[in-house]
């Protein structure tokens, strides 16, 4: 062994770390609060190049470091949120760090699978593998949280991303990763054993480029296609009330005072539906609900609240959308709850979790997603957290929803980047579904889109506003009913890439 070979590599850690830092920094700039969304098309290039030149173990370590740092940037909003809630900086930092440590595990798997795809010379599989891990993270039981999806910043460019109607935001994520691969192949070609760059395969690059351009053209065409619509008038009733940090008594009085303004606005506007935020109805123990609007409002109404079958200990409580269609009341219960926000998993199995008391107690998730009929149209309610899940919007449109309605209490996250990511998620549900979405928050963000995800208007933050929007409803969604199938395809690809050596061994034994 020569002296040069035995000399320790003092700066090896820096060469391994800088591609991760470069990619994380560009992704952070692409997301709120910086909103340089187009950076996502190149942000992953440094990290992907580094994965191509490392070992499988090194790729997993690199992936973990990438995921940890990426989510430390993505989830920092937890700190001011929990700090305001608890007043303790330690309590505020703990969930931020824990969430980021857990996220690192998903990206360790992503790094290992991407390296495996490079080793198999299946570069085309990298976008599917990346997206499969994103989707797995979004739907893994107990920790489901579709946050930091790499395509999310492109929601402000709806004309570019209409192919979400074919495969949800996750198809657009794969498209974004494909763009990163094209840049990588052009500017950072592979190096052979002799240290010389391997010439580009023009056929492969052409296929990647045509695929990328093809989706872009599809988006542009769909964005401009005329659709037959029926115009309806909606009133987005933003009460301008802090429903997160006030006492119940203060909140109740403030809502009572805001109600006449919102109701008068809806009546004057001859609204087809007045929409009020999550929690507006309070706790309802019997139908019809006793609310500030009285039991028979003068206009159709949808609002959020909590529903208990009977006022007795041990009875299930649901987060609910209450609907008055002008003649009768009905309700649709929330199906996707916030872990440690609306329920504590494994409370009965782990005694330590008995100490974790939620303000309203543990809620129960509904087993059925309902899409109510309101007059001559169907509306799909998404209660706060449900608005970040593509499958719920897809289920509503498969049941005939012509408009999606999201009721939220976002006051918890006001003035943090989480606020912007939440409303961006709302816009994505419209783009994917081919129907308008109407979003109402307690203080904001309150907005409406058309059926292609263009924002039609936003209410000023913090004011009581009966915001009128005239929205065109299609007869039915023109999005692909099976768009969640793309997610299953990516999961299958992750399995195939990860298990390919074992599959080949079994195949040889069979021969």
Foldseek 3Di string as FASTA:
>chain_A
DDPVVPDDDPCPVVLLCPLLVQLLVLLLCCAPPNVPVVSLLASNQSVLLSLQPDDLQSLLVSQLVSQLSNQLSFPVLQQVLVCVVPVDNVVSVVVSNVVSNVRSNLRSLLSNLCSLCSVVVNNVLNLLQVLLSLVCQCDVPPRHDNTSQSNLSCLQVLLQQLCCLQAFSSVVSSLSVLSNVLVCCVPPADADPVRHGDDHDVVVSVVSVCVSVVSRVVSNVVVPDDFDWDKFKEWQWALLAQPDPDDPVVRQVSLLVLVVVQLVVCVVSVHQEYEAFAAQLEEAQDPPGDGSQGNQHQHKYKYWYKYFPHPDPPTAIFTWIWIDLRPGIDIFTAADDDDLAQADPCCVPDVVCVPSAHPVGHHDHDPDQDFDDRPPFTEGEQEQSSLQDLVSLLVNLVVPHQEYEYHYACSSSPPHSVQVSSVSSNLSSLSNFQHKYFYHYNQDQTWIAASSSHTPDGDHGSHRGRDMDIYITGSGTPRDSVNNVSNVVSNVSSVCSVCVVVVVVVVVVVD
